[in-house]
Amino acid sequence: MFDIAWVRSQLPGRRVDWYESIGSTMPEAAALAMAGAPSGTAVVAGMQTSGLGRHGRNWHSAADTGLYVSVILRFPQQAEHFPALTLAAGLAAQEAIHLSTGIECDIRWPNDLLVEDRKCAGILTQAESGAAIVGIGINVNHAEFPENLREIATSLRLASGRVHSREQLFVQLLRSLDLRKECLIAEGLPPLLRNFAAASSYVRGRRVTTDDGQVGVTAGLDASGFLLLRRDSGALTRVLAGGVRPI
């Protein structure tokens, strides 16, 4: 069971809505944003029956093993910060996992966290009613995965050989997300992009293929946080949508 009373005691003044089971935390958080819920409001569930991934994909959300959360964030200049918010959330999740479990994750631009090249967490961001909704799914204590995911997915439990506290990870995740948000507001994009480039092996020098079939070697981030790709022809292009996979 998820100790929501303990979680709320660690996050005084913050609204945290808990569901044993929900279709997806994302539309619930979007509805709260539309109703004017303040920045930092979080929706967390023990299970999702229709978990959302990027591009309409499903997120495997087994009961009482993962962390499935959506957080409302509001910025003074929402449009300016939104493109890099996925990168900021990735850094926050990476930090929270390390501080809570000791596990080091890589970040595959723009939104996947990996342990030994297998995905353990994913991030989804969307705009709603002048706010950003950040959805984060982390495979925490999964002991196994469906056959179609076994070669590409892992959990913090499988990676470390031990069970981890979802409550402690959740609290640390919100604290890390708050910190990344405040740094983004105070310092702008350049420090965030430098931190992301240092935290991800995919930003530079990695031979990859993009979701739309481009092939090349990654060559850093542009000023907005989009990935640069040096194609085999020598042309330098920006990856504006989708993700990348290693070759």
C-alpha atoms as a PDB file:
ATOM      1  CA  MET A   1       0.000   0.000   0.000  1.00  0.00           C
ATOM      2  CA  PHE A   2       1.021   3.602  -0.606  1.00  0.00           C
ATOM      3  CA  ASP A   3       1.266   5.626   2.615  1.00  0.00           C
ATOM      4  CA  ILE A   4      -0.385   8.814   1.392  1.00  0.00           C
ATOM      5  CA  ALA A   5      -0.701  10.201   4.948  1.00  0.00           C
ATOM      6  CA  TRP A   6       3.092  10.096   5.366  1.00  0.00           C
ATOM      7  CA  VAL A   7       3.591  11.657   1.941  1.00  0.00           C
ATOM      8  CA  ARG A   8       1.287  14.563   2.773  1.00  0.00           C
ATOM      9  CA  SER A   9       3.064  15.072   6.102  1.00  0.00           C
ATOM     10  CA  GLN A  10       6.311  15.553   4.172  1.00  0.00           C
ATOM     11  CA  LEU A  11       4.756  18.034   1.724  1.00  0.00           C
ATOM     12  CA  PRO A  12       2.818  20.500   3.895  1.00  0.00           C
ATOM     13  CA  GLY A  13       0.680  22.988   2.026  1.00  0.00           C
ATOM     14  CA  ARG A  14       0.725  21.006  -1.216  1.00  0.00           C
ATOM     15  CA  ARG A  15      -2.342  19.368  -2.697  1.00  0.00           C
ATOM     16  CA  VAL A  16      -1.701  15.690  -3.439  1.00  0.00           C
ATOM     17  CA  ASP A  17      -4.642  13.695  -4.799  1.00  0.00           C
ATOM     18  CA  TRP A  18      -4.250   9.917  -4.421  1.00  0.00           C
ATOM     19  CA  TYR A  19      -6.117   7.214  -6.363  1.00  0.00           C
ATOM     20  CA  GLU A  20      -5.842   3.483  -5.850  1.00  0.00           C
ATOM     21  CA  SER A  21      -6.727   3.133  -9.525  1.00  0.00           C
ATOM     22  CA  ILE A  22      -7.394   5.642 -12.285  1.00  0.00           C
ATOM     23  CA  GLY A  23      -7.523   5.659 -16.050  1.00  0.00           C
ATOM     24  CA  SER A  24      -4.627   8.108 -16.254  1.00  0.00           C
ATOM     25  CA  THR A  25      -3.310  10.811 -13.938  1.00  0.00           C
ATOM     26  CA  MET A  26      -2.783  13.210 -16.887  1.00  0.00           C
ATOM     27  CA  PRO A  27      -6.422  14.155 -17.673  1.00  0.00           C
ATOM     28  CA  GLU A  28      -7.188  14.384 -13.951  1.00  0.00           C
ATOM     29  CA  ALA A  29      -4.335  16.873 -13.474  1.00  0.00           C
ATOM     30  CA  ALA A  30      -5.428  18.749 -16.610  1.00  0.00           C
ATOM     31  CA  ALA A  31      -8.938  19.112 -15.170  1.00  0.00           C
ATOM     32  CA  LEU A  32      -7.502  20.460 -11.936  1.00  0.00           C
ATOM     33  CA  ALA A  33      -5.370  22.956 -13.877  1.00  0.00           C
ATOM     34  CA  MET A  34      -8.443  24.093 -15.782  1.00  0.00           C
ATOM     35  CA  ALA A  35     -10.187  24.632 -12.439  1.00  0.00           C
ATOM     36  CA  GLY A  36      -7.296  26.841 -11.253  1.00  0.00           C
ATOM     37  CA  ALA A  37      -5.323  24.451  -9.049  1.00  0.00           C
ATOM     38  CA  PRO A  38      -2.008  25.998  -7.958  1.00  0.00           C
ATOM     39  CA  SER A  39       1.427  25.127  -9.225  1.00  0.00           C
ATOM     40  CA  GLY A  40       2.788  22.012  -7.544  1.00  0.00           C
ATOM     41  CA  THR A  41      -0.554  20.226  -7.300  1.00  0.00           C
ATOM     42  CA  ALA A  42       0.045  16.517  -7.872  1.00  0.00           C
ATOM     43  CA  VAL A  43      -2.086  13.532  -8.837  1.00  0.00           C
ATOM     44  CA  VAL A  44      -0.623  10.121  -8.007  1.00  0.00           C
ATOM     45  CA  ALA A  45      -2.069   6.646  -8.501  1.00  0.00           C
ATOM     46  CA  GLY A  46      -1.357   3.092  -7.435  1.00  0.00           C
ATOM     47  CA  MET A  47      -2.450   1.819 -10.843  1.00  0.00           C
ATOM     48  CA  GLN A  48      -3.432   3.261 -14.219  1.00  0.00           C
ATOM     49  CA  THR A  49      -5.768   1.360 -16.499  1.00  0.00           C
ATOM     50  CA  SER A  50      -5.016   3.621 -19.492  1.00  0.00           C
ATOM     51  CA  GLY A  51      -1.591   5.082 -18.740  1.00  0.00           C
ATOM     52  CA  LEU A  52      -0.397   7.568 -21.357  1.00  0.00           C
ATOM     53  CA  GLY A  53       2.985   7.649 -23.066  1.00  0.00           C
ATOM     54  CA  ARG A  54       4.214   9.906 -25.835  1.00  0.00           C
ATOM     55  CA  HIS A  55       2.489   9.908 -29.234  1.00  0.00           C
ATOM     56  CA  GLY A  56      -0.561   8.101 -27.850  1.00  0.00           C
ATOM     57  CA  ARG A  57       1.346   5.030 -26.709  1.00  0.00           C
ATOM     58  CA  ASN A  58       0.293   3.180 -23.567  1.00  0.00           C
ATOM     59  CA  TRP A  59       2.373   3.198 -20.382  1.00  0.00           C
ATOM     60  CA  HIS A  60       2.460  -0.153 -18.585  1.00  0.00           C
ATOM     61  CA  SER A  61       1.112   0.706 -15.111  1.00  0.00           C
ATOM     62  CA  ALA A  62       1.048  -2.398 -12.927  1.00  0.00           C
ATOM     63  CA  ALA A  63      -0.743  -2.126  -9.596  1.00  0.00           C
ATOM     64  CA  ASP A  64       1.149  -1.103  -6.443  1.00  0.00           C
ATOM     65  CA  THR A  65       4.598  -1.386  -8.004  1.00  0.00           C
ATOM     66  CA  GLY A  66       5.232   1.823  -9.947  1.00  0.00           C
ATOM     67  CA  LEU A  67       5.034   5.555  -9.425  1.00  0.00           C
ATOM     68  CA  TYR A  68       2.457   7.184 -11.701  1.00  0.00           C
ATOM     69  CA  VAL A  69       2.189  10.919 -11.154  1.00  0.00           C
ATOM     70  CA  SER A  70       1.170  14.108 -12.928  1.00  0.00           C
ATOM     71  CA  VAL A  71       2.135  17.538 -11.593  1.00  0.00           C
ATOM     72  CA  ILE A  72       0.775  20.983 -12.463  1.00  0.00           C
ATOM     73  CA  LEU A  73       3.483  23.603 -13.008  1.00  0.00           C
ATOM     74  CA  ARG A  74       2.873  27.281 -13.701  1.00  0.00           C
ATOM     75  CA  PHE A  75       5.524  29.669 -15.041  1.00  0.00           C
ATOM     76  CA  PRO A  76       5.652  33.449 -15.428  1.00  0.00           C
ATOM     77  CA  GLN A  77       6.409  32.989 -19.145  1.00  0.00           C
ATOM     78  CA  GLN A  78       4.893  29.631 -19.956  1.00  0.00           C
ATOM     79  CA  ALA A  79       5.634  29.569 -23.693  1.00  0.00           C
ATOM     80  CA  GLU A  80       9.297  30.430 -23.172  1.00  0.00           C
ATOM     81  CA  HIS A  81       9.921  27.593 -20.728  1.00  0.00           C
ATOM     82  CA  PHE A  82       7.678  24.863 -22.090  1.00  0.00           C
ATOM     83  CA  PRO A  83       9.987  23.371 -24.778  1.00  0.00           C
ATOM     84  CA  ALA A  84      12.689  22.606 -22.199  1.00  0.00           C
ATOM     85  CA  LEU A  85      10.337  21.394 -19.468  1.00  0.00           C
ATOM     86  CA  THR A  86      10.671  17.745 -20.498  1.00  0.00           C
ATOM     87  CA  LEU A  87      14.453  18.045 -20.095  1.00  0.00           C
ATOM     88  CA  ALA A  88      14.056  19.663 -16.666  1.00  0.00           C
ATOM     89  CA  ALA A  89      11.674  16.902 -15.574  1.00  0.00           C
ATOM     90  CA  GLY A  90      14.140  14.273 -16.795  1.00  0.00           C
ATOM     91  CA  LEU A  91      16.893  15.784 -14.685  1.00  0.00           C
ATOM     92  CA  ALA A  92      14.557  15.946 -11.683  1.00  0.00           C
ATOM     93  CA  ALA A  93      13.602  12.276 -12.072  1.00  0.00           C
ATOM     94  CA  GLN A  94      17.229  11.246 -12.524  1.00  0.00           C
ATOM     95  CA  GLU A  95      18.211  13.128  -9.367  1.00  0.00           C
ATOM     96  CA  ALA A  96      15.272  11.796  -7.339  1.00  0.00           C
ATOM     97  CA  ILE A  97      16.040   8.204  -8.299  1.00  0.00           C
ATOM     98  CA  HIS A  98      19.688   8.591  -7.372  1.00  0.00           C
ATOM     99  CA  LEU A  99      18.997  10.303  -4.036  1.00  0.00           C
ATOM    100  CA  SER A 100      16.279   7.803  -3.075  1.00  0.00           C
ATOM    101  CA  THR A 101      17.818   4.555  -4.317  1.00  0.00           C
ATOM    102  CA  GLY A 102      21.458   5.170  -5.218  1.00  0.00           C
ATOM    103  CA  ILE A 103      20.770   4.049  -8.805  1.00  0.00           C
ATOM    104  CA  GLU A 104      22.396   6.032 -11.627  1.00  0.00           C
ATOM    105  CA  CYS A 105      20.205   6.518 -14.701  1.00  0.00           C
ATOM    106  CA  ASP A 106      21.070   7.712 -18.168  1.00  0.00           C
ATOM    107  CA  ILE A 107      18.650  10.033 -19.998  1.00  0.00           C
ATOM    108  CA  ARG A 108      17.783   9.324 -23.611  1.00  0.00           C
ATOM    109  CA  TRP A 109      16.711  12.596 -25.198  1.00  0.00           C
ATOM    110  CA  PRO A 110      14.137  13.861 -24.700  1.00  0.00           C
ATOM    111  CA  ASN A 111      12.150  11.879 -22.135  1.00  0.00           C
ATOM    112  CA  ASP A 112      13.378   8.362 -21.282  1.00  0.00           C
ATOM    113  CA  LEU A 113      15.404   7.285 -18.247  1.00  0.00           C
ATOM    114  CA  LEU A 114      17.483   4.164 -18.696  1.00  0.00           C
ATOM    115  CA  VAL A 115      19.341   1.689 -16.530  1.00  0.00           C
ATOM    116  CA  GLU A 116      21.755  -0.480 -18.507  1.00  0.00           C
ATOM    117  CA  ASP A 117      20.044   0.626 -21.740  1.00  0.00           C
ATOM    118  CA  ARG A 118      16.588  -0.459 -20.573  1.00  0.00           C
ATOM    119  CA  LYS A 119      13.817   2.021 -19.865  1.00  0.00           C
ATOM    120  CA  CYS A 120      12.818   2.522 -16.242  1.00  0.00           C
ATOM    121  CA  ALA A 121      10.981   5.844 -16.488  1.00  0.00           C
ATOM    122  CA  GLY A 122       9.304   8.124 -19.003  1.00  0.00           C
ATOM    123  CA  ILE A 123       8.050  11.688 -19.082  1.00  0.00           C
ATOM    124  CA  LEU A 124       5.097  13.290 -20.859  1.00  0.00           C
ATOM    125  CA  THR A 125       4.384  17.039 -20.888  1.00  0.00           C
ATOM    126  CA  GLN A 126       1.376  18.919 -22.175  1.00  0.00           C
ATOM    127  CA  ALA A 127      -0.035  22.444 -21.927  1.00  0.00           C
ATOM    128  CA  GLU A 128      -3.406  22.999 -20.289  1.00  0.00           C
ATOM    129  CA  SER A 129      -5.173  26.231 -19.277  1.00  0.00           C
ATOM    130  CA  GLY A 130      -2.019  28.311 -18.943  1.00  0.00           C
ATOM    131  CA  ALA A 131      -0.161  25.590 -17.061  1.00  0.00           C
ATOM    132  CA  ALA A 132       2.152  22.713 -17.888  1.00  0.00           C
ATOM    133  CA  ILE A 133       1.182  19.184 -16.892  1.00  0.00           C
ATOM    134  CA  VAL A 134       4.198  16.956 -16.303  1.00  0.00           C
ATOM    135  CA  GLY A 135       3.469  13.238 -16.237  1.00  0.00           C
ATOM    136  CA  ILE A 136       6.166  10.931 -14.896  1.00  0.00           C
ATOM    137  CA  GLY A 137       5.975   7.155 -14.797  1.00  0.00           C
ATOM    138  CA  ILE A 138       8.692   5.237 -12.947  1.00  0.00           C
ATOM    139  CA  ASN A 139       8.998   1.457 -12.837  1.00  0.00           C
ATOM    140  CA  VAL A 140       9.893   1.049  -9.167  1.00  0.00           C
ATOM    141  CA  ASN A 141       9.208  -2.439  -7.810  1.00  0.00           C
ATOM    142  CA  HIS A 142       8.123  -4.389 -10.887  1.00  0.00           C
ATOM    143  CA  ALA A 143       9.408  -7.962 -10.656  1.00  0.00           C
ATOM    144  CA  GLU A 144       8.541  -8.736 -14.280  1.00  0.00           C
ATOM    145  CA  PHE A 145       7.078  -7.219 -17.445  1.00  0.00           C
ATOM    146  CA  PRO A 146       4.788  -8.413 -20.237  1.00  0.00           C
ATOM    147  CA  GLU A 147       6.622 -10.372 -22.918  1.00  0.00           C
ATOM    148  CA  ASN A 148       6.594  -7.481 -25.395  1.00  0.00           C
ATOM    149  CA  LEU A 149       8.442  -5.238 -22.896  1.00  0.00           C
ATOM    150  CA  ARG A 150      10.967  -7.642 -21.343  1.00  0.00           C
ATOM    151  CA  GLU A 151      13.808  -6.746 -23.706  1.00  0.00           C
ATOM    152  CA  ILE A 152      13.392  -2.978 -23.440  1.00  0.00           C
ATOM    153  CA  ALA A 153      12.063  -2.259 -19.928  1.00  0.00           C
ATOM    154  CA  THR A 154      13.407  -2.630 -16.416  1.00  0.00           C
ATOM    155  CA  SER A 155      12.566  -1.450 -12.906  1.00  0.00           C
ATOM    156  CA  LEU A 156      14.560  -0.021 -10.038  1.00  0.00           C
ATOM    157  CA  ARG A 157      13.970  -3.302  -8.203  1.00  0.00           C
ATOM    158  CA  LEU A 158      15.295  -5.420 -11.070  1.00  0.00           C
ATOM    159  CA  ALA A 159      18.276  -3.100 -11.497  1.00  0.00           C
ATOM    160  CA  SER A 160      19.275  -3.148  -7.830  1.00  0.00           C
ATOM    161  CA  GLY A 161      17.953  -6.452  -6.493  1.00  0.00           C
ATOM    162  CA  ARG A 162      15.924  -4.821  -3.746  1.00  0.00           C
ATOM    163  CA  VAL A 163      12.540  -3.210  -3.113  1.00  0.00           C
ATOM    164  CA  HIS A 164      12.362   0.599  -2.864  1.00  0.00           C
ATOM    165  CA  SER A 165      10.013   3.026  -1.124  1.00  0.00           C
ATOM    166  CA  ARG A 166       7.653   4.613  -3.626  1.00  0.00           C
ATOM    167  CA  GLU A 167       6.686   7.199  -1.016  1.00  0.00           C
ATOM    168  CA  GLN A 168      10.248   8.414  -0.463  1.00  0.00           C
ATOM    169  CA  LEU A 169      10.873   8.485  -4.200  1.00  0.00           C
ATOM    170  CA  PHE A 170       7.687  10.475  -4.800  1.00  0.00           C
ATOM    171  CA  VAL A 171       8.508  13.082  -2.162  1.00  0.00           C
ATOM    172  CA  GLN A 172      12.031  13.478  -3.514  1.00  0.00           C
ATOM    173  CA  LEU A 173      10.686  13.686  -7.063  1.00  0.00           C
ATOM    174  CA  LEU A 174       8.439  16.631  -6.216  1.00  0.00           C
ATOM    175  CA  ARG A 175      11.243  18.392  -4.350  1.00  0.00           C
ATOM    176  CA  SER A 176      13.639  17.901  -7.260  1.00  0.00           C
ATOM    177  CA  LEU A 177      10.998  19.062  -9.736  1.00  0.00           C
ATOM    178  CA  ASP A 178      10.397  22.200  -7.658  1.00  0.00           C
ATOM    179  CA  LEU A 179      14.128  22.926  -7.647  1.00  0.00           C
ATOM    180  CA  ARG A 180      14.488  22.453 -11.414  1.00  0.00           C
ATOM    181  CA  LYS A 181      11.500  24.716 -12.010  1.00  0.00           C
ATOM    182  CA  GLU A 182      12.905  27.486  -9.816  1.00  0.00           C
ATOM    183  CA  CYS A 183      16.316  27.237 -11.480  1.00  0.00           C
ATOM    184  CA  LEU A 184      14.704  27.449 -14.899  1.00  0.00           C
ATOM    185  CA  ILE A 185      12.813  30.602 -13.897  1.00  0.00           C
ATOM    186  CA  ALA A 186      15.798  32.244 -12.205  1.00  0.00           C
ATOM    187  CA  GLU A 187      18.606  31.249 -14.575  1.00  0.00           C
ATOM    188  CA  GLY A 188      16.953  30.523 -17.919  1.00  0.00           C
ATOM    189  CA  LEU A 189      17.773  27.770 -20.380  1.00  0.00           C
ATOM    190  CA  PRO A 190      21.612  27.730 -20.697  1.00  0.00           C
ATOM    191  CA  PRO A 191      22.379  26.122 -17.289  1.00  0.00           C
ATOM    192  CA  LEU A 192      19.588  23.581 -17.795  1.00  0.00           C
ATOM    193  CA  LEU A 193      20.917  22.611 -21.213  1.00  0.00           C
ATOM    194  CA  ARG A 194      24.462  22.263 -19.885  1.00  0.00           C
ATOM    195  CA  ASN A 195      23.243  20.074 -17.033  1.00  0.00           C
ATOM    196  CA  PHE A 196      21.201  17.905 -19.376  1.00  0.00           C
ATOM    197  CA  ALA A 197      24.103  17.472 -21.782  1.00  0.00           C
ATOM    198  CA  ALA A 198      26.310  16.371 -18.887  1.00  0.00           C
ATOM    199  CA  ALA A 199      23.663  13.933 -17.620  1.00  0.00           C
ATOM    200  CA  SER A 200      22.834  12.231 -20.930  1.00  0.00           C
ATOM    201  CA  SER A 201      25.086  10.013 -23.037  1.00  0.00           C
ATOM    202  CA  TYR A 202      22.746  10.627 -25.969  1.00  0.00           C
ATOM    203  CA  VAL A 203      23.379  14.338 -26.447  1.00  0.00           C
ATOM    204  CA  ARG A 204      26.722  14.162 -28.206  1.00  0.00           C
ATOM    205  CA  GLY A 205      28.700  11.530 -30.097  1.00  0.00           C
ATOM    206  CA  ARG A 206      26.008   8.830 -30.108  1.00  0.00           C
ATOM    207  CA  ARG A 207      25.034   7.152 -33.384  1.00  0.00           C
ATOM    208  CA  VAL A 208      21.240   6.996 -33.452  1.00  0.00           C
ATOM    209  CA  THR A 209      18.177   6.705 -35.607  1.00  0.00           C
ATOM    210  CA  THR A 210      15.212   9.028 -35.111  1.00  0.00           C
ATOM    211  CA  ASP A 211      11.546   8.075 -35.028  1.00  0.00           C
ATOM    212  CA  ASP A 212      11.156   9.406 -38.581  1.00  0.00           C
ATOM    213  CA  GLY A 213      14.085   7.382 -39.920  1.00  0.00           C
ATOM    214  CA  GLN A 214      16.966   9.847 -39.928  1.00  0.00           C
ATOM    215  CA  VAL A 215      20.370   8.358 -39.118  1.00  0.00           C
ATOM    216  CA  GLY A 216      23.430  10.155 -37.810  1.00  0.00           C
ATOM    217  CA  VAL A 217      25.574  11.089 -34.822  1.00  0.00           C
ATOM    218  CA  THR A 218      24.215  13.376 -32.129  1.00  0.00           C
ATOM    219  CA  ALA A 219      25.921  16.765 -32.007  1.00  0.00           C
ATOM    220  CA  GLY A 220      24.590  18.553 -28.933  1.00  0.00           C
ATOM    221  CA  LEU A 221      21.523  20.642 -28.174  1.00  0.00           C
ATOM    222  CA  ASP A 222      20.399  23.872 -29.807  1.00  0.00           C
ATOM    223  CA  ALA A 223      19.487  26.966 -27.782  1.00  0.00           C
ATOM    224  CA  SER A 224      15.932  25.684 -27.217  1.00  0.00           C
ATOM    225  CA  GLY A 225      16.903  22.172 -26.146  1.00  0.00           C
ATOM    226  CA  PHE A 226      16.240  20.343 -29.409  1.00  0.00           C
ATOM    227  CA  LEU A 227      18.704  17.622 -30.350  1.00  0.00           C
ATOM    228  CA  LEU A 228      21.179  18.282 -33.179  1.00  0.00           C
ATOM    229  CA  LEU A 229      21.978  15.401 -35.519  1.00  0.00           C
ATOM    230  CA  ARG A 230      24.943  15.236 -37.898  1.00  0.00           C
ATOM    231  CA  ARG A 231      23.636  13.064 -40.731  1.00  0.00           C
ATOM    232  CA  ASP A 232      25.826  10.758 -42.767  1.00  0.00           C
ATOM    233  CA  SER A 233      25.664  13.281 -45.614  1.00  0.00           C
ATOM    234  CA  GLY A 234      27.315  15.851 -43.360  1.00  0.00           C
ATOM    235  CA  ALA A 235      24.154  17.936 -42.985  1.00  0.00           C
ATOM    236  CA  LEU A 236      23.281  19.182 -39.491  1.00  0.00           C
ATOM    237  CA  THR A 237      19.585  18.891 -38.642  1.00  0.00           C
ATOM    238  CA  ARG A 238      17.396  19.443 -35.601  1.00  0.00           C
ATOM    239  CA  VAL A 239      15.237  16.675 -34.193  1.00  0.00           C
ATOM    240  CA  LEU A 240      12.025  18.580 -33.474  1.00  0.00           C
ATOM    241  CA  ALA A 241       9.703  15.717 -32.555  1.00  0.00           C
ATOM    242  CA  GLY A 242       9.801  12.110 -31.445  1.00  0.00           C
ATOM    243  CA  GLY A 243      12.835  10.456 -29.924  1.00  0.00           C
ATOM    244  CA  VAL A 244      15.981   8.574 -30.839  1.00  0.00           C
ATOM    245  CA  ARG A 245      17.239   5.015 -30.561  1.00  0.00           C
ATOM    246  CA  PRO A 246      20.849   3.846 -30.548  1.00  0.00           C
ATOM    247  CA  ILE A 247      22.316   1.993 -33.505  1.00  0.00           C
END
